Amino acid sequence: MLLAASLPPWPVTDGAWPLGLVGAAVLFLALEGLSPWRRVACGMAAGLGLYLPGLWWMRDFSIPGYVVATLLEAAILAAGAALVPAAAGWRRAAAFPAALVLVEQVRGTWPFGGLPISGIDLGQVDGPLAPAARIGGRLLLVALVGVGGVAVAALVRRRWQVAGVGAALVAGVALLGVVAPDGAFDRRLTVAVVQGGGPRGVRAVDSDPAPVFRRHVDATAGVRPPVDLVLWPEDVVDVGAEVATTPEGATLAALARSLGATLVAGVVQDEPDDRFRNSAVPWGPDGTLLPRYDKVHRVPFGEYIPARGLFERLADVSDVPRDASVGRGPAVLDTPAGRLGVVISYEVFFPDRARSAVRAGGRVVLVPTNASSYRDSQIPTQEVVVARLRALETGRWVVQAAPTGYSAVIDHQGVVRSQGGLGGAEVLQAGVDLRTGHTVFVSLGPAPWLAGAVLALVLATVRRRGR
């Protein structure tokens, strides 16, 4: 529960990041001396304390799904706890952070592509460890939480040498993150983020797309020229044919021409075989339709049903009557405003999507999203926090647009420069840097840190031979 309390949006104020280290220390101490099955039970209890509140947003969509997902995520943490040796010593101290890294890696990739929401790395974005993300991304942050937990536990047990080594290691890596390369300034754009507003807690299958589109057209009237780029949210343009041939497409082309700006809008478009495309579609300042980006990482049970034939027999899946097509190609848009990286909504939770956008030449990362289906602020808040983490990892500004909030402009250091509210219509207009160059994380990715975690676990489980 301490780990959960470090995550957004549970803290009443910022600065709850130490709770993550204390929670890790409690878990580390609790595992000491336990048999393998008791370590599994302890990890399961910790997982329930973390994910029951961490996945609370799921209860609006499916109570059984919420229960199953929570048990599955807790079981992954329980399996990681079983890998930590029971006996005190360096093996246990090394295995604990490595096990946490492995847990988060599994959560981020399995099942159905992973569910990295409410990871313990998000609790550190407001703390001094956050710059380390430039070096090793979210997995390195998780490792630092584990090492910090070992150090706090050693402090409680008055094992001064272990506490000192752990604290020095955490502080040293965090300081390296501060001075690590984060790219270079290229030029500045004026960007307008359009948030059309409207009711929250409304599912797409139950909503009329026409008022949503009209609210965003009306809100765009608040854009103050001159402006280089206008960003609309995900799924605020819903059409049954190629968007260029529809009245909505004509309206968007006219808006781009009237503003003399590149306009990027989230378009859901019907496809053959009862499928749809979820795209970020750009129009140039002259109203020309430019090549789009189709979402790659779809939301399981939100944008498609895995093994649909099976799950249709087990549950009501009528809220997702058709599946989204899988996008192809690099996560960038080539526009007169520049080469723009783009990750659509759920994709922002996956570091590989933003990393691939930057490696493909993206100078800024756009996040058109749609969190209007959620009644409370848990997911919108986590989306802003994870966007800040993506900014740190990539050394790029991140611009997020959501129809009912939170929209935000975030600089390359993970600082929120401007943020909208929930529910209302507004326009965020700000200067945004286009940047070049790569961080260490963009260059190397998570592989070195994952390999280090696996090696630490292997060494921790190898028993020394007798004489």
Protein backbone atom coordinates (compact mmCIF):
# COMPACT_ATOMS: atom_id res chain seq x y z
CA MET A 1 0.00 0.00 0.00
CA LEU A 2 2.98 2.30 0.51
CA LEU A 3 4.02 1.57 -3.07
CA ALA A 4 0.50 2.41 -4.24
CA ALA A 5 0.48 5.62 -2.20
CA SER A 6 3.56 6.85 -4.07
CA LEU A 7 1.68 6.68 -7.41
CA PRO A 8 -0.45 9.36 -9.02
CA PRO A 9 -3.11 10.46 -8.27
CA TRP A 10 -3.28 9.09 -4.70
CA PRO A 11 -1.01 11.63 -2.94
CA VAL A 12 -2.83 14.77 -1.87
CA THR A 13 0.29 16.77 -2.75
CA ASP A 14 3.46 16.11 -4.72
CA GLY A 15 6.47 14.69 -2.94
CA ALA A 16 5.17 11.20 -2.15
CA TRP A 17 8.10 9.55 -3.96
CA PRO A 18 9.84 8.49 -0.66
CA LEU A 19 6.87 6.23 0.08
CA GLY A 20 7.96 4.06 -2.85
CA LEU A 21 11.38 3.52 -1.28
CA VAL A 22 9.85 2.81 2.13
CA GLY A 23 7.37 0.37 0.57
CA ALA A 24 10.22 -1.42 -1.19
CA ALA A 25 12.12 -1.61 2.11
CA VAL A 26 9.11 -3.13 3.90
CA LEU A 27 8.76 -5.76 1.19
CA PHE A 28 12.49 -6.53 1.25
CA LEU A 29 12.43 -7.02 5.03
CA ALA A 30 9.25 -9.09 4.92
CA LEU A 31 10.78 -11.61 2.50
CA GLU A 32 13.74 -12.38 4.73
CA GLY A 33 13.89 -15.92 6.06
CA LEU A 34 10.71 -17.12 4.34
CA SER A 35 10.28 -20.42 2.54
CA PRO A 36 9.66 -20.21 -1.23
CA TRP A 37 5.89 -20.55 -0.92
CA ARG A 38 5.75 -17.98 1.88
CA ARG A 39 7.73 -15.59 -0.32
CA VAL A 40 5.10 -16.15 -3.03
CA ALA A 41 2.33 -15.39 -0.53
CA CYS A 42 4.15 -12.27 0.68
CA GLY A 43 4.63 -11.05 -2.89
CA MET A 44 0.97 -11.74 -3.65
CA ALA A 45 -0.08 -9.65 -0.65
CA ALA A 46 2.19 -6.82 -1.78
CA GLY A 47 0.78 -7.09 -5.30
CA LEU A 48 -2.80 -6.84 -4.04
CA GLY A 49 -1.90 -3.81 -1.94
CA LEU A 50 -0.36 -2.15 -4.99
CA TYR A 51 -2.72 -3.11 -7.81
CA LEU A 52 -6.12 -3.11 -6.10
CA PRO A 53 -5.91 0.70 -5.92
CA GLY A 54 -3.56 0.98 -8.91
CA LEU A 55 -6.05 -0.63 -11.32
CA TRP A 56 -9.16 0.84 -9.66
CA TRP A 57 -10.14 2.54 -12.92
CA MET A 58 -10.99 -0.86 -14.42
CA ARG A 59 -14.06 -1.31 -12.24
CA ASP A 60 -15.98 1.14 -14.47
CA PHE A 61 -15.62 -1.22 -17.42
CA SER A 62 -15.78 -4.72 -15.92
CA ILE A 63 -15.75 -5.82 -12.29
CA PRO A 64 -14.73 -9.40 -13.22
CA GLY A 65 -12.05 -8.00 -15.53
CA TYR A 66 -10.77 -5.77 -12.71
CA VAL A 67 -10.54 -8.74 -10.33
CA VAL A 68 -8.82 -11.00 -12.86
CA ALA A 69 -6.34 -8.31 -13.95
CA THR A 70 -5.48 -7.45 -10.34
CA LEU A 71 -4.88 -11.08 -9.45
CA LEU A 72 -2.76 -11.60 -12.56
CA GLU A 73 -0.61 -8.52 -11.95
CA ALA A 74 -0.20 -9.46 -8.28
CA ALA A 75 0.82 -12.98 -9.32
CA ILE A 76 3.60 -11.53 -11.48
CA LEU A 77 4.94 -9.67 -8.44
CA ALA A 78 4.56 -12.84 -6.36
CA ALA A 79 6.66 -14.77 -8.88
CA GLY A 80 9.32 -12.06 -8.69
CA ALA A 81 9.32 -12.24 -4.88
CA ALA A 82 9.96 -15.98 -5.09
CA LEU A 83 13.21 -15.27 -6.95
CA VAL A 84 14.67 -13.33 -4.01
CA PRO A 85 16.79 -15.57 -1.76
CA ALA A 86 15.59 -15.85 1.84
CA ALA A 87 19.02 -15.77 3.47
CA ALA A 88 20.55 -12.41 4.34
CA GLY A 89 23.62 -11.34 2.41
CA TRP A 90 24.78 -9.75 -0.80
CA ARG A 91 22.88 -12.24 -2.96
CA ARG A 92 19.57 -11.18 -1.48
CA ALA A 93 20.46 -7.48 -1.70
CA ALA A 94 21.36 -7.87 -5.40
CA ALA A 95 18.40 -10.08 -6.27
CA PHE A 96 15.68 -7.82 -4.85
CA PRO A 97 16.05 -4.84 -7.24
CA ALA A 98 16.75 -7.26 -10.10
CA ALA A 99 13.50 -9.11 -9.37
CA LEU A 100 11.55 -5.84 -9.38
CA VAL A 101 13.04 -5.00 -12.79
CA LEU A 102 12.05 -8.39 -14.14
CA VAL A 103 8.52 -7.96 -12.74
CA GLU A 104 8.07 -4.62 -14.51
CA GLN A 105 9.51 -6.00 -17.74
CA VAL A 106 7.00 -8.86 -17.70
CA ARG A 107 4.14 -6.50 -16.80
CA GLY A 108 5.12 -4.29 -19.73
CA THR A 109 5.03 -7.09 -22.29
CA TRP A 110 2.63 -9.83 -21.10
CA PRO A 111 -0.20 -10.73 -21.42
CA PHE A 112 -1.71 -9.20 -24.56
CA GLY A 113 1.24 -6.83 -25.03
CA GLY A 114 1.48 -5.84 -21.36
CA LEU A 115 -0.14 -3.50 -18.84
CA PRO A 116 2.55 -1.12 -17.49
CA ILE A 117 -0.07 1.19 -15.89
CA SER A 118 0.57 1.91 -12.18
CA GLY A 119 4.19 0.74 -12.34
CA ILE A 120 6.32 1.77 -9.39
CA ASP A 121 8.48 3.90 -11.70
CA LEU A 122 5.63 6.43 -11.98
CA GLY A 123 5.92 7.24 -8.29
CA GLN A 124 9.46 8.59 -8.87
CA VAL A 125 8.77 11.11 -11.66
CA ASP A 126 8.43 13.96 -9.13
CA GLY A 127 11.50 12.87 -7.18
CA PRO A 128 15.28 13.22 -7.49
CA LEU A 129 15.68 9.82 -9.18
CA ALA A 130 13.73 10.83 -12.29
CA PRO A 131 16.72 12.12 -14.36
CA ALA A 132 18.13 8.57 -14.36
CA ALA A 133 15.44 7.78 -16.96
CA ARG A 134 17.68 9.49 -19.54
CA ILE A 135 20.14 6.63 -19.01
CA GLY A 136 17.98 3.57 -18.49
CA GLY A 137 14.33 4.50 -18.83
CA ARG A 138 11.66 3.12 -16.54
CA LEU A 139 13.53 -0.11 -15.75
CA LEU A 140 16.46 1.79 -14.28
CA LEU A 141 14.05 3.82 -12.13
CA VAL A 142 12.53 0.56 -10.88
CA ALA A 143 16.01 -0.78 -10.09
CA LEU A 144 16.83 2.38 -8.13
CA VAL A 145 13.63 1.97 -6.10
CA GLY A 146 14.76 -1.57 -5.28
CA VAL A 147 18.29 -0.52 -4.32
CA GLY A 148 16.88 2.37 -2.31
CA GLY A 149 14.58 -0.06 -0.51
CA VAL A 150 17.57 -2.26 0.37
CA ALA A 151 19.42 0.81 1.69
CA VAL A 152 16.45 1.92 3.84
CA ALA A 153 16.07 -1.62 5.21
CA ALA A 154 19.79 -1.74 6.04
CA LEU A 155 19.46 1.59 7.82
CA VAL A 156 16.63 0.20 9.95
CA ARG A 157 18.75 -2.85 10.81
CA ARG A 158 21.78 -0.59 11.49
CA ARG A 159 23.84 -2.23 8.81
CA TRP A 160 25.64 1.00 8.08
CA GLN A 161 27.98 -0.24 5.36
CA VAL A 162 25.18 -1.73 3.24
CA ALA A 163 23.04 1.37 3.77
CA GLY A 164 25.89 3.63 2.73
CA VAL A 165 26.77 1.65 -0.39
CA GLY A 166 23.12 1.48 -1.48
CA ALA A 167 22.51 5.18 -0.88
CA ALA A 168 25.71 6.12 -2.72
CA LEU A 169 24.77 3.93 -5.68
CA VAL A 170 21.30 5.45 -5.95
CA ALA A 171 22.59 9.01 -5.58
CA GLY A 172 25.43 8.42 -8.05
CA VAL A 173 23.16 7.08 -10.79
CA ALA A 174 20.67 9.89 -10.23
CA LEU A 175 23.46 12.47 -10.57
CA LEU A 176 24.70 10.79 -13.74
CA GLY A 177 21.19 11.21 -15.10
CA VAL A 178 21.33 14.94 -14.40
CA VAL A 179 24.49 15.39 -16.51
CA ALA A 180 23.67 12.75 -19.14
CA PRO A 181 23.13 14.01 -22.72
CA ASP A 182 19.53 14.90 -23.58
CA GLY A 183 19.84 16.21 -27.14
CA ALA A 184 20.15 19.73 -28.47
CA PHE A 185 17.84 22.61 -29.38
CA ASP A 186 17.03 22.97 -33.07
CA ARG A 187 14.24 25.52 -33.46
CA ARG A 188 10.97 26.58 -31.85
CA LEU A 189 7.38 26.07 -32.95
CA THR A 190 4.22 27.75 -31.76
CA VAL A 191 1.79 24.94 -30.93
CA ALA A 192 -1.90 25.09 -30.06
CA VAL A 193 -3.50 22.14 -28.25
CA VAL A 194 -7.27 21.98 -28.70
CA GLN A 195 -9.41 20.45 -25.94
CA GLY A 196 -13.07 20.47 -26.93
CA GLY A 197 -14.52 19.50 -23.54
CA GLY A 198 -17.65 17.52 -22.84
CA PRO A 199 -19.04 14.88 -20.47
CA ARG A 200 -16.78 12.29 -18.88
CA GLY A 201 -17.41 8.62 -18.18
CA VAL A 202 -18.94 8.09 -21.64
CA ARG A 203 -17.85 5.09 -23.71
CA ALA A 204 -17.25 5.52 -27.42
CA VAL A 205 -19.89 2.93 -28.32
CA ASP A 206 -22.52 4.98 -26.44
CA SER A 207 -21.56 8.43 -27.73
CA ASP A 208 -22.56 10.46 -30.80
CA PRO A 209 -19.39 11.55 -32.68
CA ALA A 210 -21.03 14.62 -34.26
CA PRO A 211 -21.19 16.79 -31.09
CA VAL A 212 -17.64 15.77 -30.18
CA PHE A 213 -16.38 16.95 -33.56
CA ARG A 214 -18.39 20.18 -33.37
CA ARG A 215 -17.03 21.00 -29.89
CA HIS A 216 -13.49 20.76 -31.22
CA VAL A 217 -14.27 22.89 -34.25
CA ASP A 218 -15.75 25.50 -31.92
CA ALA A 219 -12.80 25.34 -29.53
CA THR A 220 -10.36 25.82 -32.42
CA ALA A 221 -11.80 29.31 -32.82
CA GLY A 222 -9.77 30.15 -29.71
CA VAL A 223 -6.45 29.50 -31.46
CA ARG A 224 -4.52 32.77 -31.84
CA PRO A 225 -2.54 33.02 -35.11
CA PRO A 226 0.27 32.91 -36.01
CA VAL A 227 0.69 29.28 -35.08
CA ASP A 228 2.77 26.50 -36.65
CA LEU A 229 1.00 23.38 -35.39
CA VAL A 230 -2.48 22.61 -34.09
CA LEU A 231 -3.06 19.29 -32.29
CA TRP A 232 -6.48 17.70 -31.81
CA PRO A 233 -7.04 14.66 -29.54
CA GLU A 234 -7.51 11.00 -30.45
CA ASP A 235 -10.86 9.79 -31.84
CA VAL A 236 -12.61 13.16 -32.13
CA VAL A 237 -13.18 12.60 -35.85
CA ASP A 238 -15.23 9.45 -36.53
CA VAL A 239 -15.99 8.72 -40.18
CA GLY A 240 -17.31 5.82 -42.20
CA ALA A 241 -15.12 6.38 -45.28
CA GLU A 242 -11.73 7.76 -46.27
CA VAL A 243 -11.56 11.00 -44.28
CA ALA A 244 -10.46 13.05 -47.29
CA THR A 245 -13.84 12.37 -48.93
CA THR A 246 -15.98 13.31 -45.92
CA PRO A 247 -17.44 16.66 -44.74
CA GLU A 248 -15.32 16.35 -41.59
CA GLY A 249 -12.17 16.11 -43.71
CA ALA A 250 -13.19 19.17 -45.71
CA THR A 251 -13.77 21.11 -42.47
CA LEU A 252 -10.35 20.16 -41.13
CA ALA A 253 -8.64 21.14 -44.39
CA ALA A 254 -10.41 24.51 -44.25
CA LEU A 255 -9.32 25.04 -40.62
CA ALA A 256 -5.68 24.30 -41.53
CA ARG A 257 -5.86 26.79 -44.41
CA SER A 258 -7.53 29.49 -42.30
CA LEU A 259 -4.88 29.18 -39.59
CA GLY A 260 -1.97 28.75 -42.00
CA ALA A 261 -0.79 25.86 -39.83
CA THR A 262 -0.27 22.12 -39.87
CA LEU A 263 -3.25 20.47 -38.16
CA VAL A 264 -3.01 16.95 -36.70
CA ALA A 265 -6.26 15.28 -35.67
CA GLY A 266 -7.19 11.89 -34.24
CA VAL A 267 -9.33 10.08 -36.81
CA VAL A 268 -11.19 6.78 -36.44
CA GLN A 269 -12.12 5.50 -39.88
CA ASP A 270 -14.15 2.43 -40.86
CA GLU A 271 -12.32 -0.29 -42.77
CA PRO A 272 -13.46 -3.43 -44.64
CA ASP A 273 -14.02 -6.70 -42.76
CA ASP A 274 -15.70 -4.85 -39.87
CA ARG A 275 -12.46 -3.20 -38.70
CA PHE A 276 -11.38 0.39 -38.12
CA ARG A 277 -8.20 2.49 -38.23
CA ASN A 278 -7.17 4.68 -35.31
CA SER A 279 -4.90 7.32 -36.83
CA ALA A 280 -3.16 10.62 -36.31
CA VAL A 281 -3.86 12.44 -39.58
CA PRO A 282 -2.07 15.66 -40.60
CA TRP A 283 -3.27 18.43 -42.92
CA GLY A 284 -0.73 20.94 -44.24
CA PRO A 285 -1.17 24.73 -44.04
CA ASP A 286 -2.58 24.66 -47.58
CA GLY A 287 -5.21 22.06 -46.60
CA THR A 288 -3.38 19.15 -48.24
CA LEU A 289 -3.90 15.76 -46.60
CA LEU A 290 -0.50 14.28 -45.64
CA PRO A 291 0.55 10.69 -44.83
CA ARG A 292 -0.88 9.48 -41.53
CA TYR A 293 0.27 7.34 -38.60
CA ASP A 294 -1.90 4.37 -37.62
CA LYS A 295 -1.83 3.22 -34.02
CA VAL A 296 0.37 0.16 -33.51
CA HIS A 297 -0.13 -0.80 -29.86
CA ARG A 298 -3.86 -1.37 -29.51
CA VAL A 299 -5.74 -1.53 -26.21
CA PRO A 300 -6.74 -5.14 -25.45
CA PHE A 301 -10.46 -5.37 -24.61
CA GLY A 302 -10.74 -1.70 -25.54
CA GLU A 303 -9.79 -1.56 -29.23
CA TYR A 304 -9.75 -5.27 -29.98
CA ILE A 305 -10.69 -8.54 -28.30
CA PRO A 306 -7.85 -11.08 -28.13
CA ALA A 307 -9.09 -14.55 -29.06
CA ARG A 308 -12.51 -13.00 -29.69
CA GLY A 309 -14.25 -16.33 -30.29
CA LEU A 310 -13.18 -17.58 -26.84
CA PHE A 311 -13.97 -14.44 -24.87
CA GLU A 312 -17.36 -14.01 -26.54
CA ARG A 313 -18.31 -17.30 -24.88
CA LEU A 314 -17.02 -16.19 -21.48
CA ALA A 315 -18.16 -12.56 -21.20
CA ASP A 316 -20.15 -9.74 -22.76
CA VAL A 317 -17.82 -7.99 -25.21
CA SER A 318 -20.51 -5.92 -26.95
CA ASP A 319 -18.73 -2.68 -25.94
CA VAL A 320 -15.98 -3.64 -28.43
CA PRO A 321 -17.99 -4.84 -31.43
CA ARG A 322 -15.09 -4.64 -33.90
CA ASP A 323 -11.30 -4.70 -33.84
CA ALA A 324 -8.81 -1.99 -34.72
CA SER A 325 -6.32 -2.67 -37.48
CA VAL A 326 -2.64 -2.78 -36.52
CA GLY A 327 -0.57 0.14 -37.80
CA ARG A 328 2.67 -0.20 -39.75
CA GLY A 329 5.68 2.00 -40.35
CA PRO A 330 7.63 4.49 -38.22
CA ALA A 331 5.89 6.50 -35.52
CA VAL A 332 6.43 9.85 -37.23
CA LEU A 333 4.55 12.40 -39.33
CA ASP A 334 6.40 14.34 -42.02
CA THR A 335 4.81 17.79 -42.10
CA PRO A 336 5.72 21.39 -43.00
CA ALA A 337 6.03 21.98 -39.23
CA GLY A 338 8.80 19.36 -39.06
CA ARG A 339 9.23 15.65 -38.53
CA LEU A 340 6.90 14.91 -35.63
CA GLY A 341 7.02 11.80 -33.45
CA VAL A 342 3.59 10.50 -32.47
CA VAL A 343 2.26 7.96 -29.97
CA ILE A 344 -1.50 7.56 -29.70
CA SER A 345 -3.06 7.35 -26.23
CA TYR A 346 -2.25 3.95 -24.64
CA GLU A 347 1.02 3.84 -26.57
CA VAL A 348 2.46 6.54 -24.29
CA PHE A 349 2.70 3.93 -21.50
CA PHE A 350 5.18 1.91 -23.60
CA PRO A 351 8.71 3.38 -23.81
CA ASP A 352 9.51 1.56 -27.05
CA ARG A 353 6.88 3.55 -28.98
CA ALA A 354 8.29 6.98 -28.06
CA ARG A 355 11.84 5.68 -28.45
CA SER A 356 11.09 4.41 -31.96
CA ALA A 357 9.55 7.78 -32.85
CA VAL A 358 12.72 9.61 -31.83
CA ARG A 359 14.99 7.08 -33.54
CA ALA A 360 12.96 7.65 -36.72
CA GLY A 361 13.78 11.36 -36.53
CA GLY A 362 10.94 12.79 -34.43
CA ARG A 363 11.89 16.24 -33.10
CA VAL A 364 8.93 16.40 -30.69
CA VAL A 365 6.52 13.72 -29.44
CA LEU A 366 2.78 14.26 -29.95
CA VAL A 367 0.29 12.33 -27.80
CA PRO A 368 -3.27 12.58 -29.11
CA THR A 369 -5.30 10.71 -26.49
CA ASN A 370 -8.87 10.16 -25.35
CA ALA A 371 -9.48 9.55 -21.66
CA SER A 372 -13.11 10.68 -21.64
CA SER A 373 -14.31 7.13 -20.92
CA TYR A 374 -12.92 7.35 -17.37
CA ARG A 375 -15.08 8.90 -14.66
CA ASP A 376 -12.26 9.86 -12.31
CA SER A 377 -8.84 11.40 -12.73
CA GLN A 378 -6.67 8.30 -12.19
CA ILE A 379 -5.84 7.50 -15.82
CA PRO A 380 -5.72 11.14 -17.04
CA THR A 381 -3.28 11.94 -14.22
CA GLN A 382 -1.12 8.90 -14.93
CA GLU A 383 -1.06 9.78 -18.63
CA VAL A 384 0.46 13.18 -17.83
CA VAL A 385 3.00 11.62 -15.47
CA VAL A 386 4.01 8.92 -17.94
CA ALA A 387 4.28 11.56 -20.68
CA ARG A 388 6.73 13.39 -18.42
CA LEU A 389 8.72 10.16 -18.11
CA ARG A 390 8.75 9.73 -21.90
CA ALA A 391 10.05 13.32 -22.20
CA LEU A 392 12.94 12.52 -19.85
CA GLU A 393 13.74 9.24 -21.63
CA THR A 394 13.80 10.78 -25.10
CA GLY A 395 15.03 14.33 -24.51
CA ARG A 396 12.01 15.61 -26.44
CA TRP A 397 9.14 17.94 -25.62
CA VAL A 398 5.83 16.09 -25.35
CA VAL A 399 2.52 17.67 -26.40
CA GLN A 400 -0.62 15.84 -25.26
CA ALA A 401 -4.18 16.59 -26.39
CA ALA A 402 -7.25 15.02 -24.74
CA PRO A 403 -10.89 15.89 -25.53
CA THR A 404 -11.90 16.22 -21.88
CA GLY A 405 -8.43 16.54 -20.30
CA TYR A 406 -5.77 16.42 -19.25
CA SER A 407 -4.09 18.17 -22.17
CA ALA A 408 -0.52 19.24 -21.46
CA VAL A 409 2.71 20.72 -22.82
CA ILE A 410 5.82 19.12 -21.25
CA ASP A 411 9.42 20.13 -21.84
CA HIS A 412 12.36 17.79 -22.44
CA GLN A 413 13.21 17.79 -18.72
CA GLY A 414 9.81 16.41 -17.81
CA VAL A 415 8.46 19.72 -16.50
CA VAL A 416 4.80 20.50 -17.24
CA ARG A 417 4.81 23.93 -18.87
CA SER A 418 1.04 24.09 -19.35
CA GLN A 419 -1.87 21.82 -18.43
CA GLY A 420 -5.61 21.98 -19.02
CA GLY A 421 -8.35 20.93 -16.65
CA LEU A 422 -10.88 18.11 -16.76
CA GLY A 423 -14.14 18.44 -18.64
CA GLY A 424 -13.96 21.96 -20.00
CA ALA A 425 -13.10 23.34 -23.43
CA GLU A 426 -9.81 25.23 -23.74
CA VAL A 427 -6.80 25.88 -25.92
CA LEU A 428 -3.22 25.58 -24.67
CA GLN A 429 -0.92 27.69 -26.82
CA ALA A 430 2.82 27.59 -26.17
CA GLY A 431 6.26 27.68 -27.69
CA VAL A 432 7.67 24.15 -28.11
CA ASP A 433 11.28 23.24 -28.90
CA LEU A 434 12.14 20.91 -31.73
CA ARG A 435 15.22 18.99 -30.63
CA THR A 436 17.86 16.72 -32.13
CA GLY A 437 20.26 14.12 -30.73
CA HIS A 438 19.68 11.06 -28.57
CA THR A 439 19.71 10.27 -24.88
CA VAL A 440 21.56 7.17 -23.66
CA PHE A 441 18.21 5.40 -23.32
CA VAL A 442 17.21 6.18 -26.91
CA SER A 443 20.56 4.86 -28.12
CA LEU A 444 20.74 1.69 -26.00
CA GLY A 445 17.16 0.98 -24.96
CA PRO A 446 16.28 -1.23 -21.98
CA ALA A 447 18.36 -4.26 -23.01
CA PRO A 448 21.49 -3.53 -20.90
CA TRP A 449 19.47 -3.04 -17.72
CA LEU A 450 17.33 -6.08 -18.32
CA ALA A 451 20.43 -8.17 -19.00
CA GLY A 452 22.02 -6.84 -15.80
CA ALA A 453 18.94 -7.81 -13.81
CA VAL A 454 18.93 -11.34 -15.22
CA LEU A 455 22.66 -11.70 -14.49
CA ALA A 456 22.17 -10.48 -10.90
CA LEU A 457 19.40 -13.03 -10.35
CA VAL A 458 21.51 -15.84 -11.82
CA LEU A 459 24.49 -14.95 -9.61
CA ALA A 460 22.22 -14.67 -6.57
CA THR A 461 20.84 -18.17 -7.04
CA VAL A 462 24.16 -19.90 -7.68
CA ARG A 463 25.37 -21.42 -4.43
CA ARG A 464 29.05 -21.44 -3.67
CA ARG A 465 30.64 -24.87 -3.84
CA GLY A 466 32.11 -26.34 -0.70
CA ARG A 467 35.86 -26.67 -0.32
